[in-house]
Structures are given as structure tokens and as C-alpha cells.
C-alpha atoms as a PDB file:
ATOM      1  CA  VAL A   1      92.653   3.931  -6.722  1.00  0.00           C
ATOM      2  CA  GLN A   2      94.202   1.029  -4.998  1.00  0.00           C
ATOM      3  CA  LEU A   3      97.109  -1.375  -5.773  1.00  0.00           C
ATOM      4  CA  VAL A   4      97.187  -4.256  -3.148  1.00  0.00           C
ATOM      5  CA  GLU A   5     100.152  -6.589  -3.086  1.00  0.00           C
ATOM      6  CA  SER A   6      99.948  -9.982  -1.552  1.00  0.00           C
ATOM      7  CA  GLY A   7     101.816 -13.170  -1.399  1.00  0.00           C
ATOM      8  CA  GLY A   8     105.094 -12.118   0.337  1.00  0.00           C
ATOM      9  CA  GLY A   9     106.814 -13.975   3.148  1.00  0.00           C
ATOM     10  CA  LEU A  10     109.681 -15.830   4.489  1.00  0.00           C
ATOM     11  CA  VAL A  11     111.078 -18.460   2.081  1.00  0.00           C
ATOM     12  CA  GLN A  12     114.331 -20.620   2.119  1.00  0.00           C
ATOM     13  CA  PRO A  13     116.956 -20.140  -0.639  1.00  0.00           C
ATOM     14  CA  GLY A  14     115.972 -22.067  -3.523  1.00  0.00           C
ATOM     15  CA  GLY A  15     112.145 -21.715  -2.816  1.00  0.00           C
ATOM     16  CA  SER A  16     109.322 -19.998  -4.611  1.00  0.00           C
ATOM     17  CA  LEU A  17     106.817 -17.397  -3.941  1.00  0.00           C
ATOM     18  CA  ARG A  18     104.029 -15.859  -6.157  1.00  0.00           C
ATOM     19  CA  LEU A  19     103.204 -12.279  -5.547  1.00  0.00           C
ATOM     20  CA  SER A  20      99.914 -10.826  -6.784  1.00  0.00           C
ATOM     21  CA  CYS A  21      98.757  -7.266  -7.161  1.00  0.00           C
ATOM     22  CA  LEU A  22      94.959  -6.392  -7.191  1.00  0.00           C
ATOM     23  CA  ALA A  23      94.037  -3.104  -8.758  1.00  0.00           C
ATOM     24  CA  SER A  24      90.968  -1.095  -8.504  1.00  0.00           C
ATOM     25  CA  GLY A  25      89.759   2.444  -9.267  1.00  0.00           C
ATOM     26  CA  PHE A  26      91.161   2.702 -12.726  1.00  0.00           C
ATOM     27  CA  THR A  27      91.269   0.930 -16.212  1.00  0.00           C
ATOM     28  CA  PHE A  28      93.647  -1.735 -15.330  1.00  0.00           C
ATOM     29  CA  SER A  29      94.061  -2.976 -18.965  1.00  0.00           C
ATOM     30  CA  SER A  30      95.178   0.499 -20.132  1.00  0.00           C
ATOM     31  CA  TYR A  31      98.185   0.610 -17.732  1.00  0.00           C
ATOM     32  CA  ILE A  32     101.718  -0.721 -18.077  1.00  0.00           C
ATOM     33  CA  MET A  33     102.214  -2.773 -14.941  1.00  0.00           C
ATOM     34  CA  SER A  34     105.570  -3.313 -13.271  1.00  0.00           C
ATOM     35  CA  TRP A  35     107.116  -4.967 -10.100  1.00  0.00           C
ATOM     36  CA  TYR A  36     109.883  -3.097  -8.247  1.00  0.00           C
ATOM     37  CA  ARG A  37     111.709  -3.980  -5.144  1.00  0.00           C
ATOM     38  CA  GLN A  38     113.699  -2.184  -2.568  1.00  0.00           C
ATOM     39  CA  ALA A  39     116.114  -3.734  -0.124  1.00  0.00           C
ATOM     40  CA  PRO A  40     117.355  -1.950   3.033  1.00  0.00           C
ATOM     41  CA  GLY A  41     119.812   0.723   2.305  1.00  0.00           C
ATOM     42  CA  LYS A  42     119.481   0.475  -1.469  1.00  0.00           C
ATOM     43  CA  GLU A  43     117.330   2.279  -3.996  1.00  0.00           C
ATOM     44  CA  ARG A  44     114.110   0.901  -5.451  1.00  0.00           C
ATOM     45  CA  GLU A  45     114.904  -1.038  -8.728  1.00  0.00           C
ATOM     46  CA  LEU A  46     112.796  -2.227 -11.534  1.00  0.00           C
ATOM     47  CA  VAL A  47     112.269  -6.047 -11.346  1.00  0.00           C
ATOM     48  CA  ALA A  48     109.779  -6.656 -14.234  1.00  0.00           C
ATOM     49  CA  ARG A  49     107.340  -4.963 -16.545  1.00  0.00           C
ATOM     50  CA  ILE A  50     104.557  -6.200 -18.769  1.00  0.00           C
ATOM     51  CA  ASN A  51     102.700  -4.101 -21.356  1.00  0.00           C
ATOM     52  CA  ARG A  52      98.897  -3.762 -21.615  1.00  0.00           C
ATOM     53  CA  ALA A  53      98.304  -6.784 -23.601  1.00  0.00           C
ATOM     54  CA  GLY A  54     100.868  -8.893 -21.827  1.00  0.00           C
ATOM     55  CA  GLN A  55     103.085  -9.529 -24.651  1.00  0.00           C
ATOM     56  CA  GLY A  56     105.924  -7.089 -24.075  1.00  0.00           C
ATOM     57  CA  ILE A  57     107.948  -8.018 -21.127  1.00  0.00           C
ATOM     58  CA  ASN A  58     111.222  -6.728 -19.576  1.00  0.00           C
ATOM     59  CA  TYR A  59     113.104  -8.106 -16.629  1.00  0.00           C
ATOM     60  CA  ALA A  60     116.044  -6.996 -14.617  1.00  0.00           C
ATOM     61  CA  ASP A  61     119.271  -8.953 -15.526  1.00  0.00           C
ATOM     62  CA  SER A  62     119.368 -10.108 -11.913  1.00  0.00           C
ATOM     63  CA  VAL A  63     116.019 -12.016 -12.130  1.00  0.00           C
ATOM     64  CA  LYS A  64     116.039 -13.279 -15.615  1.00  0.00           C
ATOM     65  CA  GLY A  65     115.186 -16.919 -15.906  1.00  0.00           C
ATOM     66  CA  ARG A  66     113.825 -17.085 -12.378  1.00  0.00           C
ATOM     67  CA  PHE A  67     111.108 -14.679 -12.297  1.00  0.00           C
ATOM     68  CA  THR A  68     107.993 -14.433 -14.459  1.00  0.00           C
ATOM     69  CA  ILE A  69     105.556 -11.607 -14.764  1.00  0.00           C
ATOM     70  CA  SER A  70     102.005 -11.936 -16.033  1.00  0.00           C
ATOM     71  CA  ARG A  71      98.571 -10.329 -15.715  1.00  0.00           C
ATOM     72  CA  ASP A  72      94.898 -11.167 -16.132  1.00  0.00           C
ATOM     73  CA  ASN A  73      93.164  -8.089 -17.245  1.00  0.00           C
ATOM     74  CA  ALA A  74      89.702  -9.870 -16.578  1.00  0.00           C
ATOM     75  CA  LYS A  75      90.827 -10.050 -12.928  1.00  0.00           C
ATOM     76  CA  ASN A  76      92.670  -6.701 -12.586  1.00  0.00           C
ATOM     77  CA  THR A  77      95.549  -8.443 -11.298  1.00  0.00           C
ATOM     78  CA  VAL A  78      99.404  -8.759 -12.099  1.00  0.00           C
ATOM     79  CA  TYR A  79     101.530 -11.596 -10.776  1.00  0.00           C
ATOM     80  CA  LEU A  80     105.184 -12.089 -10.136  1.00  0.00           C
ATOM     81  CA  GLN A  81     106.154 -15.801  -9.868  1.00  0.00           C
ATOM     82  CA  MET A  82     109.520 -16.083  -8.214  1.00  0.00           C
ATOM     83  CA  ASN A  83     111.395 -19.212  -8.442  1.00  0.00           C
ATOM     84  CA  SER A  84     115.006 -20.138  -7.341  1.00  0.00           C
ATOM     85  CA  LEU A  85     114.907 -17.444  -4.713  1.00  0.00           C
ATOM     86  CA  LYS A  86     118.255 -16.085  -3.413  1.00  0.00           C
ATOM     87  CA  VAL A  87     119.021 -14.426  -0.202  1.00  0.00           C
ATOM     88  CA  GLU A  88     119.923 -11.046  -2.402  1.00  0.00           C
ATOM     89  CA  ASP A  89     116.097 -11.184  -3.476  1.00  0.00           C
ATOM     90  CA  THR A  90     115.131 -10.007  -0.031  1.00  0.00           C
ATOM     91  CA  ALA A  91     113.281  -6.697  -0.248  1.00  0.00           C
ATOM     92  CA  VAL A  92     110.085  -5.026  -0.085  1.00  0.00           C
ATOM     93  CA  TYR A  93     108.155  -5.615  -3.483  1.00  0.00           C
ATOM     94  CA  TYR A  94     106.075  -2.941  -4.972  1.00  0.00           C
ATOM     95  CA  CYS A  95     103.508  -3.028  -7.774  1.00  0.00           C
ATOM     96  CA  SER A  96     103.283  -0.143 -10.027  1.00  0.00           C
ATOM     97  CA  ALA A  97     100.785   1.067 -12.699  1.00  0.00           C
ATOM     98  CA  VAL A  98     101.786   3.701 -15.280  1.00  0.00           C
ATOM     99  CA  TRP A  99      99.888   5.487 -18.053  1.00  0.00           C
ATOM    100  CA  THR A 100      98.263   8.896 -17.736  1.00  0.00           C
ATOM    101  CA  SER A 101      99.171   8.527 -13.827  1.00  0.00           C
ATOM    102  CA  ASN A 102     101.703   6.528 -11.813  1.00  0.00           C
ATOM    103  CA  TYR A 103     100.114   4.426  -8.970  1.00  0.00           C
ATOM    104  CA  TRP A 104     102.005   2.488  -6.353  1.00  0.00           C
ATOM    105  CA  GLY A 105     100.970  -0.314  -3.896  1.00  0.00           C
ATOM    106  CA  GLN A 106     102.026  -0.370  -0.343  1.00  0.00           C
ATOM    107  CA  GLY A 107     104.569  -3.215  -0.711  1.00  0.00           C
ATOM    108  CA  THR A 108     104.802  -6.742   0.475  1.00  0.00           C
ATOM    109  CA  GLN A 109     107.963  -8.084   2.251  1.00  0.00           C
ATOM    110  CA  VAL A 110     109.866 -11.027   0.836  1.00  0.00           C
ATOM    111  CA  THR A 111     112.551 -12.423   2.874  1.00  0.00           C
ATOM    112  CA  VAL A 112     114.796 -15.249   1.745  1.00  0.00           C
ATOM    113  CA  SER A 113     116.882 -16.816   4.445  1.00  0.00           C
ATOM    114  CA  SER A 114     117.752 -20.235   5.834  1.00  0.00           C
END
């Protein structure tokens, strides 16, 4: 089982990034997929969640209107489009899969700084 995140990096405030998480080793379409983030000295928090069919979506209040989660079950991939990034969005972003088991990726660093 693997969840491999990519797309992180350094971006200026107001910029955009698109994170991807490629899954393998399990039935991706059966799992609820989420993005979490953890900033230095803070607890890990839920950013966005999408259900199996891609129609039930939830966002943290802090990212509503700026971030968009989506999934492509044919490609075993979940995405997080992040627009209008703020300094406070700086964190390690993790992909998570939940159903009969709970899997986590290794994380990708997102740094928002001028």
C-alpha cells in the first residue's frame, strides 16, 4: 500500500499550488480520501475530504473558497487545488485514505512566503 504526495513547494502569498496523491495497493475507489496538514508546533488538522464518488465534499473553514479537492478513480489519484495561498497555509500536507483501513502518505511540504 502506498500513498505518494507530490506538488508541494515554495510559493508567494496569493499564489497557487496543486497537490496530487497517487494511491496503489488497495481499491482506491472504495476509500474516502482526505487531505490533512500539520504546521510546526501544531496538531494535524483536516483540510478537505471527498467521498468515494466525489460528490460529498467537506472543507475546513479556513480554506473554504480557496481550496478544491477532487479525485480521479480511474487514475487512483486525489488532488488538492490551492489558490490564494496565505502564509498560514504553510505546513506539511498529507494524503489519507479511510475505509476498512486507514492509510497515510509521507507528506509534502508547502511553504508560503514572500
